[in-house]
Amino acid sequence: MDRVVGFEKYRTRRWLWMFRVGVGLLIAVLLFLLWRGWRMIAERGTLDLLGLLREDREIIAEYWQDTVSIAIAELPQKTLLRAAVVVAVIIFVLFLTRRRRRIIQRKLLDIAKAGRKRY
């Protein structure tokens, strides 16, 4: 029984490690893309432009479509699209591994029970 518990411990830990590393890398890529996008927005002065537009509310209310199109044109669209793809991949991975994570959780509980019974 100890060999079975040891094997399951090894296999479960390996899967959890791979899952956490994979999701961690995806989150790191997402954070890098968001940081890069923010840096590009700061370099282009988009926030300054929107700050100027905010000062005159009547003009913004009248020409809001132009204001939105200017804001969208100033955004780093490729970087934000890549970030959206990474978010979609993270959600997809979490959705696909939902059942496996429940099984792993049950295995960890069983391994903990087997460890307590032995002593």
PDB file of N, CA and C in Angstrom:
ATOM      1  N   MET A   1       0.826  -1.193   0.000  1.00  0.00           N
ATOM      2  CA  MET A   1       0.000   0.000   0.000  1.00  0.00           C
ATOM      3  C   MET A   1       0.869   1.256   0.000  1.00  0.00           C
ATOM      4  N   ASP A   2       2.006   1.194   0.695  1.00  0.00           N
ATOM      5  CA  ASP A   2       2.896   2.353   0.738  1.00  0.00           C
ATOM      6  C   ASP A   2       3.420   2.702  -0.648  1.00  0.00           C
ATOM      7  N   ARG A   3       3.685   1.684  -1.457  1.00  0.00           N
ATOM      8  CA  ARG A   3       4.183   1.943  -2.815  1.00  0.00           C
ATOM      9  C   ARG A   3       3.115   2.610  -3.676  1.00  0.00           C
ATOM     10  N   VAL A   4       1.864   2.182  -3.504  1.00  0.00           N
ATOM     11  CA  VAL A   4       0.756   2.785  -4.260  1.00  0.00           C
ATOM     12  C   VAL A   4       0.575   4.239  -3.838  1.00  0.00           C
ATOM     13  N   VAL A   5       0.601   4.483  -2.544  1.00  0.00           N
ATOM     14  CA  VAL A   5       0.454   5.849  -2.033  1.00  0.00           C
ATOM     15  C   VAL A   5       1.618   6.705  -2.519  1.00  0.00           C
ATOM     16  N   GLY A   6       2.825   6.161  -2.494  1.00  0.00           N
ATOM     17  CA  GLY A   6       3.992   6.901  -2.978  1.00  0.00           C
ATOM     18  C   GLY A   6       3.889   7.231  -4.452  1.00  0.00           C
ATOM     19  N   PHE A   7       3.434   6.256  -5.241  1.00  0.00           N
ATOM     20  CA  PHE A   7       3.278   6.489  -6.678  1.00  0.00           C
ATOM     21  C   PHE A   7       2.229   7.559  -6.950  1.00  0.00           C
ATOM     22  N   GLU A   8       1.095   7.478  -6.258  1.00  0.00           N
ATOM     23  CA  GLU A   8       0.034   8.471  -6.446  1.00  0.00           C
ATOM     24  C   GLU A   8       0.486   9.852  -5.990  1.00  0.00           C
ATOM     25  N   LYS A   9       1.267   9.898  -4.909  1.00  0.00           N
ATOM     26  CA  LYS A   9       1.814  11.166  -4.441  1.00  0.00           C
ATOM     27  C   LYS A   9       2.697  11.793  -5.510  1.00  0.00           C
ATOM     28  N   TYR A  10       3.582  10.973  -6.078  1.00  0.00           N
ATOM     29  CA  TYR A  10       4.501  11.461  -7.112  1.00  0.00           C
ATOM     30  C   TYR A  10       3.725  11.962  -8.329  1.00  0.00           C
ATOM     31  N   ARG A  11       2.784  11.144  -8.790  1.00  0.00           N
ATOM     32  CA  ARG A  11       2.023  11.504  -9.989  1.00  0.00           C
ATOM     33  C   ARG A  11       1.172  12.745  -9.770  1.00  0.00           C
ATOM     34  N   THR A  12       0.549  12.849  -8.618  1.00  0.00           N
ATOM     35  CA  THR A  12      -0.294  13.995  -8.299  1.00  0.00           C
ATOM     36  C   THR A  12       0.536  15.257  -8.167  1.00  0.00           C
ATOM     37  N   ARG A  13       1.647  15.167  -7.466  1.00  0.00           N
ATOM     38  CA  ARG A  13       2.517  16.334  -7.321  1.00  0.00           C
ATOM     39  C   ARG A  13       3.072  16.792  -8.662  1.00  0.00           C
ATOM     40  N   ARG A  14       3.442  15.846  -9.501  1.00  0.00           N
ATOM     41  CA  ARG A  14       3.965  16.201 -10.822  1.00  0.00           C
ATOM     42  C   ARG A  14       2.904  16.925 -11.650  1.00  0.00           C
ATOM     43  N   TRP A  15       1.672  16.413 -11.643  1.00  0.00           N
ATOM     44  CA  TRP A  15       0.616  17.061 -12.404  1.00  0.00           C
ATOM     45  C   TRP A  15       0.331  18.463 -11.853  1.00  0.00           C
ATOM     46  N   LEU A  16       0.250  18.586 -10.535  1.00  0.00           N
ATOM     47  CA  LEU A  16       0.005  19.891  -9.930  1.00  0.00           C
ATOM     48  C   LEU A  16       1.128  20.873 -10.250  1.00  0.00           C
ATOM     49  N   TRP A  17       2.368  20.389 -10.204  1.00  0.00           N
ATOM     50  CA  TRP A  17       3.499  21.258 -10.526  1.00  0.00           C
ATOM     51  C   TRP A  17       3.421  21.731 -11.967  1.00  0.00           C
ATOM     52  N   MET A  18       3.142  20.819 -12.899  1.00  0.00           N
ATOM     53  CA  MET A  18       3.033  21.190 -14.312  1.00  0.00           C
ATOM     54  C   MET A  18       1.877  22.168 -14.530  1.00  0.00           C
ATOM     55  N   PHE A  19       0.754  21.935 -13.879  1.00  0.00           N
ATOM     56  CA  PHE A  19      -0.406  22.816 -14.007  1.00  0.00           C
ATOM     57  C   PHE A  19      -0.081  24.204 -13.488  1.00  0.00           C
ATOM     58  N   ARG A  20       0.510  24.265 -12.304  1.00  0.00           N
ATOM     59  CA  ARG A  20       0.835  25.562 -11.713  1.00  0.00           C
ATOM     60  C   ARG A  20       1.882  26.305 -12.523  1.00  0.00           C
ATOM     61  N   VAL A  21       2.875  25.613 -13.020  1.00  0.00           N
ATOM     62  CA  VAL A  21       3.898  26.258 -13.844  1.00  0.00           C
ATOM     63  C   VAL A  21       3.271  26.779 -15.137  1.00  0.00           C
ATOM     64  N   GLY A  22       2.423  25.972 -15.755  1.00  0.00           N
ATOM     65  CA  GLY A  22       1.772  26.396 -17.000  1.00  0.00           C
ATOM     66  C   GLY A  22       0.896  27.623 -16.804  1.00  0.00           C
ATOM     67  N   VAL A  23       0.055  27.586 -15.797  1.00  0.00           N
ATOM     68  CA  VAL A  23      -0.824  28.726 -15.527  1.00  0.00           C
ATOM     69  C   VAL A  23       0.009  29.933 -15.075  1.00  0.00           C
ATOM     70  N   GLY A  24       1.049  29.673 -14.299  1.00  0.00           N
ATOM     71  CA  GLY A  24       1.929  30.760 -13.870  1.00  0.00           C
ATOM     72  C   GLY A  24       2.613  31.441 -15.052  1.00  0.00           C
ATOM     73  N   LEU A  25       3.069  30.653 -16.016  1.00  0.00           N
ATOM     74  CA  LEU A  25       3.686  31.232 -17.215  1.00  0.00           C
ATOM     75  C   LEU A  25       2.677  32.051 -18.016  1.00  0.00           C
ATOM     76  N   LEU A  26       1.462  31.534 -18.140  1.00  0.00           N
ATOM     77  CA  LEU A  26       0.434  32.286 -18.859  1.00  0.00           C
ATOM     78  C   LEU A  26       0.119  33.602 -18.153  1.00  0.00           C
ATOM     79  N   ILE A  27       0.055  33.569 -16.837  1.00  0.00           N
ATOM     80  CA  ILE A  27      -0.213  34.802 -16.085  1.00  0.00           C
ATOM     81  C   ILE A  27       0.957  35.765 -16.219  1.00  0.00           C
ATOM     82  N   ALA A  28       2.189  35.233 -16.223  1.00  0.00           N
ATOM     83  CA  ALA A  28       3.359  36.093 -16.406  1.00  0.00           C
ATOM     84  C   ALA A  28       3.337  36.760 -17.781  1.00  0.00           C
ATOM     85  N   VAL A  29       2.961  36.010 -18.806  1.00  0.00           N
ATOM     86  CA  VAL A  29       2.858  36.580 -20.147  1.00  0.00           C
ATOM     87  C   VAL A  29       1.776  37.652 -20.170  1.00  0.00           C
ATOM     88  N   LEU A  30       0.644  37.382 -19.526  1.00  0.00           N
ATOM     89  CA  LEU A  30      -0.441  38.359 -19.470  1.00  0.00           C
ATOM     90  C   LEU A  30       0.005  39.638 -18.761  1.00  0.00           C
ATOM     91  N   LEU A  31       0.688  39.501 -17.646  1.00  0.00           N
ATOM     92  CA  LEU A  31       1.162  40.679 -16.925  1.00  0.00           C
ATOM     93  C   LEU A  31       2.178  41.464 -17.755  1.00  0.00           C
ATOM     94  N   PHE A  32       3.047  40.758 -18.467  1.00  0.00           N
ATOM     95  CA  PHE A  32       4.005  41.437 -19.331  1.00  0.00           C
ATOM     96  C   PHE A  32       3.295  42.211 -20.434  1.00  0.00           C
ATOM     97  N   LEU A  33       2.295  41.590 -21.053  1.00  0.00           N
ATOM     98  CA  LEU A  33       1.562  42.277 -22.126  1.00  0.00           C
ATOM     99  C   LEU A  33       0.813  43.495 -21.598  1.00  0.00           C
ATOM    100  N   LEU A  34       0.211  43.365 -20.426  1.00  0.00           N
ATOM    101  CA  LEU A  34      -0.491  44.510 -19.846  1.00  0.00           C
ATOM    102  C   LEU A  34       0.484  45.624 -19.479  1.00  0.00           C
ATOM    103  N   TRP A  35       1.636  45.266 -18.932  1.00  0.00           N
ATOM    104  CA  TRP A  35       2.658  46.266 -18.607  1.00  0.00           C
ATOM    105  C   TRP A  35       3.150  46.953 -19.876  1.00  0.00           C
ATOM    106  N   ARG A  36       3.379  46.154 -20.910  1.00  0.00           N
ATOM    107  CA  ARG A  36       3.845  46.714 -22.185  1.00  0.00           C
ATOM    108  C   ARG A  36       2.787  47.650 -22.781  1.00  0.00           C
ATOM    109  N   GLY A  37       1.525  47.237 -22.712  1.00  0.00           N
ATOM    110  CA  GLY A  37       0.440  48.083 -23.216  1.00  0.00           C
ATOM    111  C   GLY A  37       0.344  49.389 -22.448  1.00  0.00           C
ATOM    112  N   TRP A  38       0.471  49.312 -21.131  1.00  0.00           N
ATOM    113  CA  TRP A  38       0.416  50.522 -20.308  1.00  0.00           C
ATOM    114  C   TRP A  38       1.576  51.450 -20.642  1.00  0.00           C
ATOM    115  N   ARG A  39       2.753  50.851 -20.853  1.00  0.00           N
ATOM    116  CA  ARG A  39       3.926  51.664 -21.205  1.00  0.00           C
ATOM    117  C   ARG A  39       3.737  52.353 -22.550  1.00  0.00           C
ATOM    118  N   MET A  40       3.134  51.640 -23.499  1.00  0.00           N
ATOM    119  CA  MET A  40       2.880  52.235 -24.810  1.00  0.00           C
ATOM    120  C   MET A  40       1.861  53.368 -24.707  1.00  0.00           C
ATOM    121  N   ILE A  41       0.848  53.186 -23.876  1.00  0.00           N
ATOM    122  CA  ILE A  41      -0.152  54.239 -23.676  1.00  0.00           C
ATOM    123  C   ILE A  41       0.507  55.479 -23.058  1.00  0.00           C
ATOM    124  N   ALA A  42       1.391  55.252 -22.095  1.00  0.00           N
ATOM    125  CA  ALA A  42       2.078  56.370 -21.452  1.00  0.00           C
ATOM    126  C   ALA A  42       3.007  57.085 -22.434  1.00  0.00           C
ATOM    127  N   GLU A  43       3.709  56.329 -23.288  1.00  0.00           N
ATOM    128  CA  GLU A  43       4.615  56.938 -24.269  1.00  0.00           C
ATOM    129  C   GLU A  43       3.857  57.772 -25.302  1.00  0.00           C
ATOM    130  N   ARG A  44       2.713  57.284 -25.716  1.00  0.00           N
ATOM    131  CA  ARG A  44       1.933  57.995 -26.743  1.00  0.00           C
ATOM    132  C   ARG A  44       1.201  59.208 -26.176  1.00  0.00           C
ATOM    133  N   GLY A  45       1.051  59.260 -24.894  1.00  0.00           N
ATOM    134  CA  GLY A  45       0.351  60.386 -24.282  1.00  0.00           C
ATOM    135  C   GLY A  45      -1.158  60.280 -24.423  1.00  0.00           C
ATOM    136  N   THR A  46      -1.665  59.080 -24.527  1.00  0.00           N
ATOM    137  CA  THR A  46      -3.110  58.877 -24.681  1.00  0.00           C
ATOM    138  C   THR A  46      -3.876  59.406 -23.477  1.00  0.00           C
ATOM    139  N   LEU A  47      -3.353  59.173 -22.303  1.00  0.00           N
ATOM    140  CA  LEU A  47      -4.048  59.645 -21.105  1.00  0.00           C
ATOM    141  C   LEU A  47      -4.074  61.169 -21.048  1.00  0.00           C
ATOM    142  N   ASP A  48      -3.008  61.816 -21.528  1.00  0.00           N
ATOM    143  CA  ASP A  48      -2.996  63.278 -21.582  1.00  0.00           C
ATOM    144  C   ASP A  48      -4.061  63.782 -22.555  1.00  0.00           C
ATOM    145  N   LEU A  49      -4.178  63.094 -23.703  1.00  0.00           N
ATOM    146  CA  LEU A  49      -5.180  63.469 -24.696  1.00  0.00           C
ATOM    147  C   LEU A  49      -6.584  63.328 -24.122  1.00  0.00           C
ATOM    148  N   LEU A  50      -6.830  62.216 -23.442  1.00  0.00           N
ATOM    149  CA  LEU A  50      -8.148  62.023 -22.845  1.00  0.00           C
ATOM    150  C   LEU A  50      -8.388  63.017 -21.713  1.00  0.00           C
ATOM    151  N   GLY A  51      -7.341  63.404 -21.017  1.00  0.00           N
ATOM    152  CA  GLY A  51      -7.476  64.426 -19.975  1.00  0.00           C
ATOM    153  C   GLY A  51      -7.883  65.759 -20.552  1.00  0.00           C
ATOM    154  N   LEU A  52      -7.314  66.113 -21.704  1.00  0.00           N
ATOM    155  CA  LEU A  52      -7.707  67.356 -22.371  1.00  0.00           C
ATOM    156  C   LEU A  52      -9.158  67.303 -22.834  1.00  0.00           C
ATOM    157  N   LEU A  53      -9.560  66.165 -23.347  1.00  0.00           N
ATOM    158  CA  LEU A  53     -10.935  66.024 -23.815  1.00  0.00           C
ATOM    159  C   LEU A  53     -11.927  66.071 -22.651  1.00  0.00           C
ATOM    160  N   ARG A  54     -11.501  65.627 -21.493  1.00  0.00           N
ATOM    161  CA  ARG A  54     -12.385  65.597 -20.332  1.00  0.00           C
ATOM    162  C   ARG A  54     -12.703  67.001 -19.814  1.00  0.00           C
ATOM    163  N   GLU A  55     -11.836  67.940 -20.088  1.00  0.00           N
ATOM    164  CA  GLU A  55     -12.023  69.295 -19.559  1.00  0.00           C
ATOM    165  C   GLU A  55     -13.228  70.008 -20.172  1.00  0.00           C
ATOM    166  N   ASP A  56     -13.561  69.686 -21.397  1.00  0.00           N
ATOM    167  CA  ASP A  56     -14.676  70.355 -22.054  1.00  0.00           C
ATOM    168  C   ASP A  56     -15.790  69.336 -22.294  1.00  0.00           C
ATOM    169  N   ARG A  57     -16.663  69.176 -21.316  1.00  0.00           N
ATOM    170  CA  ARG A  57     -17.689  68.135 -21.350  1.00  0.00           C
ATOM    171  C   ARG A  57     -18.753  68.365 -22.423  1.00  0.00           C
ATOM    172  N   GLU A  58     -19.070  69.603 -22.746  1.00  0.00           N
ATOM    173  CA  GLU A  58     -20.105  69.848 -23.758  1.00  0.00           C
ATOM    174  C   GLU A  58     -19.653  69.356 -25.134  1.00  0.00           C
ATOM    175  N   ILE A  59     -18.409  69.604 -25.457  1.00  0.00           N
ATOM    176  CA  ILE A  59     -17.896  69.145 -26.757  1.00  0.00           C
ATOM    177  C   ILE A  59     -17.854  67.627 -26.792  1.00  0.00           C
ATOM    178  N   ILE A  60     -17.454  67.014 -25.682  1.00  0.00           N
ATOM    179  CA  ILE A  60     -17.399  65.547 -25.617  1.00  0.00           C
ATOM    180  C   ILE A  60     -18.808  64.974 -25.766  1.00  0.00           C
ATOM    181  N   ALA A  61     -19.780  65.573 -25.109  1.00  0.00           N
ATOM    182  CA  ALA A  61     -21.154  65.079 -25.203  1.00  0.00           C
ATOM    183  C   ALA A  61     -21.661  65.179 -26.639  1.00  0.00           C
ATOM    184  N   GLU A  62     -21.248  66.214 -27.348  1.00  0.00           N
ATOM    185  CA  GLU A  62     -21.712  66.402 -28.718  1.00  0.00           C
ATOM    186  C   GLU A  62     -20.954  65.502 -29.702  1.00  0.00           C
ATOM    187  N   TYR A  63     -19.661  65.330 -29.478  1.00  0.00           N
ATOM    188  CA  TYR A  63     -18.827  64.557 -30.408  1.00  0.00           C
ATOM    189  C   TYR A  63     -18.241  63.319 -29.729  1.00  0.00           C
ATOM    190  N   TRP A  64     -19.060  62.575 -29.013  1.00  0.00           N
ATOM    191  CA  TRP A  64     -18.562  61.434 -28.264  1.00  0.00           C
ATOM    192  C   TRP A  64     -18.068  60.325 -29.178  1.00  0.00           C
ATOM    193  N   GLN A  65     -18.651  60.177 -30.358  1.00  0.00           N
ATOM    194  CA  GLN A  65     -18.192  59.139 -31.276  1.00  0.00           C
ATOM    195  C   GLN A  65     -16.753  59.403 -31.708  1.00  0.00           C
ATOM    196  N   ASP A  66     -16.445  60.661 -31.980  1.00  0.00           N
ATOM    197  CA  ASP A  66     -15.082  61.007 -32.357  1.00  0.00           C
ATOM    198  C   ASP A  66     -14.113  60.772 -31.202  1.00  0.00           C
ATOM    199  N   THR A  67     -14.557  61.090 -30.013  1.00  0.00           N
ATOM    200  CA  THR A  67     -13.712  60.881 -28.833  1.00  0.00           C
ATOM    201  C   THR A  67     -13.408  59.404 -28.642  1.00  0.00           C
ATOM    202  N   VAL A  68     -14.403  58.567 -28.771  1.00  0.00           N
ATOM    203  CA  VAL A  68     -14.206  57.119 -28.626  1.00  0.00           C
ATOM    204  C   VAL A  68     -13.290  56.593 -29.732  1.00  0.00           C
ATOM    205  N   SER A  69     -13.485  57.058 -30.958  1.00  0.00           N
ATOM    206  CA  SER A  69     -12.639  56.582 -32.060  1.00  0.00           C
ATOM    207  C   SER A  69     -11.185  57.016 -31.865  1.00  0.00           C
ATOM    208  N   ILE A  70     -10.975  58.221 -31.333  1.00  0.00           N
ATOM    209  CA  ILE A  70      -9.605  58.675 -31.048  1.00  0.00           C
ATOM    210  C   ILE A  70      -8.986  57.806 -29.961  1.00  0.00           C
ATOM    211  N   ALA A  71      -9.739  57.527 -28.900  1.00  0.00           N
ATOM    212  CA  ALA A  71      -9.216  56.702 -27.806  1.00  0.00           C
ATOM    213  C   ALA A  71      -8.882  55.299 -28.293  1.00  0.00           C
ATOM    214  N   ILE A  72      -9.737  54.726 -29.123  1.00  0.00           N
ATOM    215  CA  ILE A  72      -9.488  53.387 -29.644  1.00  0.00           C
ATOM    216  C   ILE A  72      -8.292  53.384 -30.589  1.00  0.00           C
ATOM    217  N   ALA A  73      -8.163  54.419 -31.399  1.00  0.00           N
ATOM    218  CA  ALA A  73      -7.034  54.502 -32.329  1.00  0.00           C
ATOM    219  C   ALA A  73      -5.710  54.644 -31.587  1.00  0.00           C
ATOM    220  N   GLU A  74      -5.724  55.270 -30.424  1.00  0.00           N
ATOM    221  CA  GLU A  74      -4.495  55.486 -29.660  1.00  0.00           C
ATOM    222  C   GLU A  74      -4.076  54.263 -28.847  1.00  0.00           C
ATOM    223  N   LEU A  75      -4.986  53.326 -28.618  1.00  0.00           N
ATOM    224  CA  LEU A  75      -4.658  52.147 -27.827  1.00  0.00           C
ATOM    225  C   LEU A  75      -3.724  51.220 -28.608  1.00  0.00           C
ATOM    226  N   PRO A  76      -2.829  50.521 -27.913  1.00  0.00           N
ATOM    227  CA  PRO A  76      -1.975  49.523 -28.584  1.00  0.00           C
ATOM    228  C   PRO A  76      -2.803  48.262 -28.855  1.00  0.00           C
ATOM    229  N   GLN A  77      -3.438  48.223 -30.004  1.00  0.00           N
ATOM    230  CA  GLN A  77      -4.435  47.198 -30.282  1.00  0.00           C
ATOM    231  C   GLN A  77      -3.846  45.798 -30.380  1.00  0.00           C
ATOM    232  N   LYS A  78      -2.671  45.649 -30.976  1.00  0.00           N
ATOM    233  CA  LYS A  78      -2.069  44.315 -31.091  1.00  0.00           C
ATOM    234  C   LYS A  78      -1.721  43.755 -29.719  1.00  0.00           C
ATOM    235  N   THR A  79      -1.182  44.597 -28.866  1.00  0.00           N
ATOM    236  CA  THR A  79      -0.816  44.145 -27.524  1.00  0.00           C
ATOM    237  C   THR A  79      -2.065  43.767 -26.730  1.00  0.00           C
ATOM    238  N   LEU A  80      -3.102  44.568 -26.820  1.00  0.00           N
ATOM    239  CA  LEU A  80      -4.337  44.256 -26.098  1.00  0.00           C
ATOM    240  C   LEU A  80      -5.018  43.008 -26.668  1.00  0.00           C
ATOM    241  N   LEU A  81      -4.915  42.803 -27.975  1.00  0.00           N
ATOM    242  CA  LEU A  81      -5.471  41.596 -28.584  1.00  0.00           C
ATOM    243  C   LEU A  81      -4.715  40.365 -28.099  1.00  0.00           C
ATOM    244  N   ARG A  82      -3.401  40.472 -28.026  1.00  0.00           N
ATOM    245  CA  ARG A  82      -2.605  39.351 -27.509  1.00  0.00           C
ATOM    246  C   ARG A  82      -2.956  39.068 -26.056  1.00  0.00           C
ATOM    247  N   ALA A  83      -3.148  40.107 -25.265  1.00  0.00           N
ATOM    248  CA  ALA A  83      -3.533  39.923 -23.866  1.00  0.00           C
ATOM    249  C   ALA A  83      -4.904  39.248 -23.776  1.00  0.00           C
ATOM    250  N   ALA A  84      -5.822  39.628 -24.644  1.00  0.00           N
ATOM    251  CA  ALA A  84      -7.150  38.996 -24.651  1.00  0.00           C
ATOM    252  C   ALA A  84      -7.044  37.524 -25.031  1.00  0.00           C
ATOM    253  N   VAL A  85      -6.162  37.204 -25.957  1.00  0.00           N
ATOM    254  CA  VAL A  85      -5.954  35.801 -26.348  1.00  0.00           C
ATOM    255  C   VAL A  85      -5.384  35.011 -25.175  1.00  0.00           C
ATOM    256  N   VAL A  86      -4.444  35.585 -24.444  1.00  0.00           N
ATOM    257  CA  VAL A  86      -3.866  34.903 -23.284  1.00  0.00           C
ATOM    258  C   VAL A  86      -4.931  34.684 -22.214  1.00  0.00           C
ATOM    259  N   VAL A  87      -5.781  35.663 -21.979  1.00  0.00           N
ATOM    260  CA  VAL A  87      -6.878  35.494 -21.017  1.00  0.00           C
ATOM    261  C   VAL A  87      -7.801  34.367 -21.474  1.00  0.00           C
ATOM    262  N   ALA A  88      -8.106  34.317 -22.754  1.00  0.00           N
ATOM    263  CA  ALA A  88      -8.957  33.252 -23.280  1.00  0.00           C
ATOM    264  C   ALA A  88      -8.296  31.888 -23.100  1.00  0.00           C
ATOM    265  N   VAL A  89      -6.995  31.808 -23.313  1.00  0.00           N
ATOM    266  CA  VAL A  89      -6.276  30.538 -23.133  1.00  0.00           C
ATOM    267  C   VAL A  89      -6.296  30.120 -21.662  1.00  0.00           C
ATOM    268  N   ILE A  90      -6.096  31.071 -20.754  1.00  0.00           N
ATOM    269  CA  ILE A  90      -6.144  30.749 -19.320  1.00  0.00           C
ATOM    270  C   ILE A  90      -7.522  30.211 -18.945  1.00  0.00           C
ATOM    271  N   ILE A  91      -8.565  30.866 -19.410  1.00  0.00           N
ATOM    272  CA  ILE A  91      -9.933  30.402 -19.121  1.00  0.00           C
ATOM    273  C   ILE A  91     -10.166  29.023 -19.725  1.00  0.00           C
ATOM    274  N   PHE A  92      -9.680  28.809 -20.949  1.00  0.00           N
ATOM    275  CA  PHE A  92      -9.829  27.516 -21.614  1.00  0.00           C
ATOM    276  C   PHE A  92      -9.100  26.416 -20.846  1.00  0.00           C
ATOM    277  N   VAL A  93      -7.883  26.693 -20.389  1.00  0.00           N
ATOM    278  CA  VAL A  93      -7.117  25.706 -19.626  1.00  0.00           C
ATOM    279  C   VAL A  93      -7.825  25.390 -18.312  1.00  0.00           C
ATOM    280  N   LEU A  94      -8.303  26.415 -17.622  1.00  0.00           N
ATOM    281  CA  LEU A  94      -9.024  26.180 -16.371  1.00  0.00           C
ATOM    282  C   LEU A  94     -10.305  25.385 -16.607  1.00  0.00           C
ATOM    283  N   PHE A  95     -10.973  25.645 -17.722  1.00  0.00           N
ATOM    284  CA  PHE A  95     -12.197  24.910 -18.045  1.00  0.00           C
ATOM    285  C   PHE A  95     -11.879  23.452 -18.384  1.00  0.00           C
ATOM    286  N   LEU A  96     -10.828  23.237 -19.169  1.00  0.00           N
ATOM    287  CA  LEU A  96     -10.475  21.866 -19.565  1.00  0.00           C
ATOM    288  C   LEU A  96      -9.971  21.033 -18.392  1.00  0.00           C
ATOM    289  N   THR A  97      -9.307  21.653 -17.450  1.00  0.00           N
ATOM    290  CA  THR A  97      -8.730  20.901 -16.336  1.00  0.00           C
ATOM    291  C   THR A  97      -9.638  20.856 -15.111  1.00  0.00           C
ATOM    292  N   ARG A  98     -10.842  21.349 -15.238  1.00  0.00           N
ATOM    293  CA  ARG A  98     -11.769  21.397 -14.105  1.00  0.00           C
ATOM    294  C   ARG A  98     -11.979  20.001 -13.503  1.00  0.00           C
ATOM    295  N   ARG A  99     -12.269  19.030 -14.317  1.00  0.00           N
ATOM    296  CA  ARG A  99     -12.531  17.670 -13.829  1.00  0.00           C
ATOM    297  C   ARG A  99     -11.270  17.053 -13.239  1.00  0.00           C
ATOM    298  N   ARG A 100     -10.160  17.236 -13.923  1.00  0.00           N
ATOM    299  CA  ARG A 100      -8.894  16.672 -13.444  1.00  0.00           C
ATOM    300  C   ARG A 100      -8.481  17.289 -12.106  1.00  0.00           C
ATOM    301  N   ARG A 101      -8.722  18.581 -11.910  1.00  0.00           N
ATOM    302  CA  ARG A 101      -8.386  19.227 -10.648  1.00  0.00           C
ATOM    303  C   ARG A 101      -9.232  18.678  -9.503  1.00  0.00           C
ATOM    304  N   ARG A 102     -10.502  18.354  -9.773  1.00  0.00           N
ATOM    305  CA  ARG A 102     -11.345  17.751  -8.738  1.00  0.00           C
ATOM    306  C   ARG A 102     -10.820  16.365  -8.359  1.00  0.00           C
ATOM    307  N   ILE A 103     -10.404  15.595  -9.375  1.00  0.00           N
ATOM    308  CA  ILE A 103      -9.853  14.271  -9.117  1.00  0.00           C
ATOM    309  C   ILE A 103      -8.569  14.384  -8.296  1.00  0.00           C
ATOM    310  N   ILE A 104      -7.722  15.332  -8.654  1.00  0.00           N
ATOM    311  CA  ILE A 104      -6.472  15.543  -7.925  1.00  0.00           C
ATOM    312  C   ILE A 104      -6.755  15.940  -6.478  1.00  0.00           C
ATOM    313  N   GLN A 105      -7.751  16.778  -6.285  1.00  0.00           N
ATOM    314  CA  GLN A 105      -8.106  17.195  -4.931  1.00  0.00           C
ATOM    315  C   GLN A 105      -8.549  15.988  -4.095  1.00  0.00           C
ATOM    316  N   ARG A 106      -9.367  15.121  -4.686  1.00  0.00           N
ATOM    317  CA  ARG A 106      -9.788  13.911  -3.962  1.00  0.00           C
ATOM    318  C   ARG A 106      -8.604  13.000  -3.666  1.00  0.00           C
ATOM    319  N   LYS A 107      -7.690  12.874  -4.631  1.00  0.00           N
ATOM    320  CA  LYS A 107      -6.502  12.043  -4.410  1.00  0.00           C
ATOM    321  C   LYS A 107      -5.651  12.592  -3.275  1.00  0.00           C
ATOM    322  N   LEU A 108      -5.496  13.902  -3.221  1.00  0.00           N
ATOM    323  CA  LEU A 108      -4.713  14.505  -2.144  1.00  0.00           C
ATOM    324  C   LEU A 108      -5.356  14.243  -0.792  1.00  0.00           C
ATOM    325  N   LEU A 109      -6.684  14.316  -0.733  1.00  0.00           N
ATOM    326  CA  LEU A 109      -7.373  14.007   0.524  1.00  0.00           C
ATOM    327  C   LEU A 109      -7.177  12.547   0.915  1.00  0.00           C
ATOM    328  N   ASP A 110      -7.252  11.647  -0.078  1.00  0.00           N
ATOM    329  CA  ASP A 110      -7.035  10.224   0.205  1.00  0.00           C
ATOM    330  C   ASP A 110      -5.598   9.951   0.635  1.00  0.00           C
ATOM    331  N   ILE A 111      -4.645  10.606   0.020  1.00  0.00           N
ATOM    332  CA  ILE A 111      -3.245  10.443   0.399  1.00  0.00           C
ATOM    333  C   ILE A 111      -3.034  10.936   1.834  1.00  0.00           C
ATOM    334  N   ALA A 112      -3.670  12.045   2.183  1.00  0.00           N
ATOM    335  CA  ALA A 112      -3.548  12.567   3.550  1.00  0.00           C
ATOM    336  C   ALA A 112      -4.171  11.591   4.541  1.00  0.00           C
ATOM    337  N   LYS A 113      -5.302  11.005   4.193  1.00  0.00           N
ATOM    338  CA  LYS A 113      -5.936  10.014   5.066  1.00  0.00           C
ATOM    339  C   LYS A 113      -5.052   8.792   5.230  1.00  0.00           C
ATOM    340  N   ALA A 114      -4.459   8.327   4.130  1.00  0.00           N
ATOM    341  CA  ALA A 114      -3.588   7.144   4.200  1.00  0.00           C
ATOM    342  C   ALA A 114      -2.363   7.437   5.052  1.00  0.00           C
ATOM    343  N   GLY A 115      -1.860   8.641   5.002  1.00  0.00           N
ATOM    344  CA  GLY A 115      -0.713   9.013   5.833  1.00  0.00           C
ATOM    345  C   GLY A 115      -1.067   9.050   7.300  1.00  0.00           C
ATOM    346  N   ARG A 116      -2.276   9.502   7.625  1.00  0.00           N
ATOM    347  CA  ARG A 116      -2.704   9.556   9.024  1.00  0.00           C
ATOM    348  C   ARG A 116      -2.977   8.157   9.592  1.00  0.00           C
ATOM    349  N   LYS A 117      -3.510   7.269   8.771  1.00  0.00           N
ATOM    350  CA  LYS A 117      -3.830   5.905   9.234  1.00  0.00           C
ATOM    351  C   LYS A 117      -2.569   5.120   9.585  1.00  0.00           C
ATOM    352  N   ARG A 118      -1.516   5.407   8.877  1.00  0.00           N
ATOM    353  CA  ARG A 118      -0.292   4.648   9.074  1.00  0.00           C
ATOM    354  C   ARG A 118       0.333   4.925  10.435  1.00  0.00           C
ATOM    355  N   TYR A 119       0.152   6.117  10.952  1.00  0.00           N
ATOM    356  CA  TYR A 119       0.803   6.475  12.217  1.00  0.00           C
ATOM    357  C   TYR A 119      -0.132   6.344  13.328  1.00  0.00           C
TER     358      TYR A 119
END
